[in-house]
Amino acid sequence: MEGSVLARIAAIVFVAIAITAALVEMGRDKAGQAVRPTVLVAPEPDPLRAEQRRCQELGEAAASDPDCLAVWAETRDRFLGRDRTGGE
């Protein structure tokens, strides 16, 4: 190998090491400790969502089902930000 090819390989290796070191350093906080990822907690299942799925599976029959009509009213009120207890 020629000297210029070796110099290019060395330069590429040096840049790769520098980028790796920079990425590792960005993953640390001010005290030098590795930052731990935040653990996300799954929200509790929404019973309204389960009822919406049930009504969806009923198809056209859901239009005459009183429970589905109530579910749709609750969904609409949640979307519009209305309070179902009577007070706005």
Protein backbone atom coordinates (compact mmCIF):
# COMPACT_ATOMS: atom_id res chain seq x y z
CA MET A 1 0.00 0.00 0.00
CA GLU A 2 1.08 3.49 -0.66
CA GLY A 3 1.54 6.04 2.04
CA SER A 4 -1.39 8.20 0.88
CA VAL A 5 -3.80 5.25 1.11
CA LEU A 6 -2.64 4.49 4.65
CA ALA A 7 -3.01 8.16 5.57
CA ARG A 8 -6.59 8.19 4.25
CA ILE A 9 -7.46 5.02 6.17
CA ALA A 10 -5.95 6.49 9.34
CA ALA A 11 -7.92 9.72 8.83
CA ILE A 12 -11.18 7.79 8.37
CA VAL A 13 -10.52 5.71 11.50
CA PHE A 14 -9.69 8.89 13.46
CA VAL A 15 -12.94 10.59 12.33
CA ALA A 16 -14.98 7.49 13.20
CA ILE A 17 -13.46 7.37 16.70
CA ALA A 18 -14.06 11.11 17.17
CA ILE A 19 -17.72 10.78 16.17
CA THR A 20 -18.19 7.80 18.49
CA ALA A 21 -16.60 9.67 21.39
CA ALA A 22 -18.83 12.70 20.74
CA LEU A 23 -21.96 10.54 20.71
CA VAL A 24 -20.98 8.84 23.96
CA GLU A 25 -20.32 12.21 25.59
CA MET A 26 -23.70 13.54 24.44
CA GLY A 27 -25.34 10.64 26.26
CA ARG A 28 -24.06 11.78 29.65
CA ASP A 29 -25.42 14.38 32.04
CA LYS A 30 -23.40 17.21 33.64
CA ALA A 31 -22.01 14.97 36.40
CA GLY A 32 -20.61 12.53 33.85
CA GLN A 33 -23.06 9.78 34.65
CA ALA A 34 -24.78 7.93 31.87
CA VAL A 35 -28.32 9.19 31.42
CA ARG A 36 -30.88 6.52 32.17
CA PRO A 37 -33.78 6.30 29.78
CA THR A 38 -37.16 7.36 31.10
CA VAL A 39 -39.50 4.48 31.73
CA LEU A 40 -42.93 5.14 30.29
CA VAL A 41 -45.87 3.70 32.14
CA ALA A 42 -48.75 2.48 30.02
CA PRO A 43 -51.98 4.30 30.77
CA GLU A 44 -54.82 2.36 32.31
CA PRO A 45 -57.19 0.90 29.74
CA ASP A 46 -60.19 3.10 29.02
CA PRO A 47 -63.52 1.24 29.38
CA LEU A 48 -65.08 3.68 26.91
CA ARG A 49 -62.58 2.52 24.30
CA ALA A 50 -63.65 -1.10 24.79
CA GLU A 51 -67.29 -0.14 24.36
CA GLN A 52 -66.44 1.81 21.20
CA ARG A 53 -64.81 -1.33 19.79
CA ARG A 54 -67.88 -3.39 20.70
CA CYS A 55 -70.16 -0.93 18.94
CA GLN A 56 -67.87 -0.91 15.93
CA GLU A 57 -68.15 -4.69 15.69
CA LEU A 58 -71.97 -4.49 15.82
CA GLY A 59 -72.00 -2.57 12.54
CA GLU A 60 -75.40 -1.15 11.53
CA ALA A 61 -77.09 -2.73 14.54
CA ALA A 62 -75.19 -0.29 16.75
CA ALA A 63 -77.36 2.57 15.46
CA SER A 64 -80.35 1.13 17.34
CA ASP A 65 -78.43 -0.12 20.40
CA PRO A 66 -79.06 2.17 23.42
CA ASP A 67 -75.67 1.33 24.95
CA CYS A 68 -73.87 2.37 21.76
CA LEU A 69 -75.87 5.58 21.58
CA ALA A 70 -74.74 6.37 25.14
CA VAL A 71 -71.13 5.52 24.26
CA TRP A 72 -71.24 7.83 21.27
CA ALA A 73 -72.73 10.61 23.38
CA GLU A 74 -69.95 10.20 25.95
CA THR A 75 -67.32 10.16 23.20
CA ARG A 76 -68.76 13.32 21.66
CA ASP A 77 -68.84 15.07 25.03
CA ARG A 78 -65.23 14.13 25.78
CA PHE A 79 -64.15 15.40 22.38
CA LEU A 80 -65.99 18.69 22.83
CA GLY A 81 -64.79 19.05 26.44
CA ARG A 82 -68.26 18.97 27.95
CA ASP A 83 -68.92 17.82 31.50
CA ARG A 84 -71.43 14.93 31.58
CA THR A 85 -72.38 15.58 35.23
CA GLY A 86 -74.56 18.54 34.27
CA GLY A 87 -72.23 21.46 35.05
CA GLU A 88 -70.05 23.04 32.40
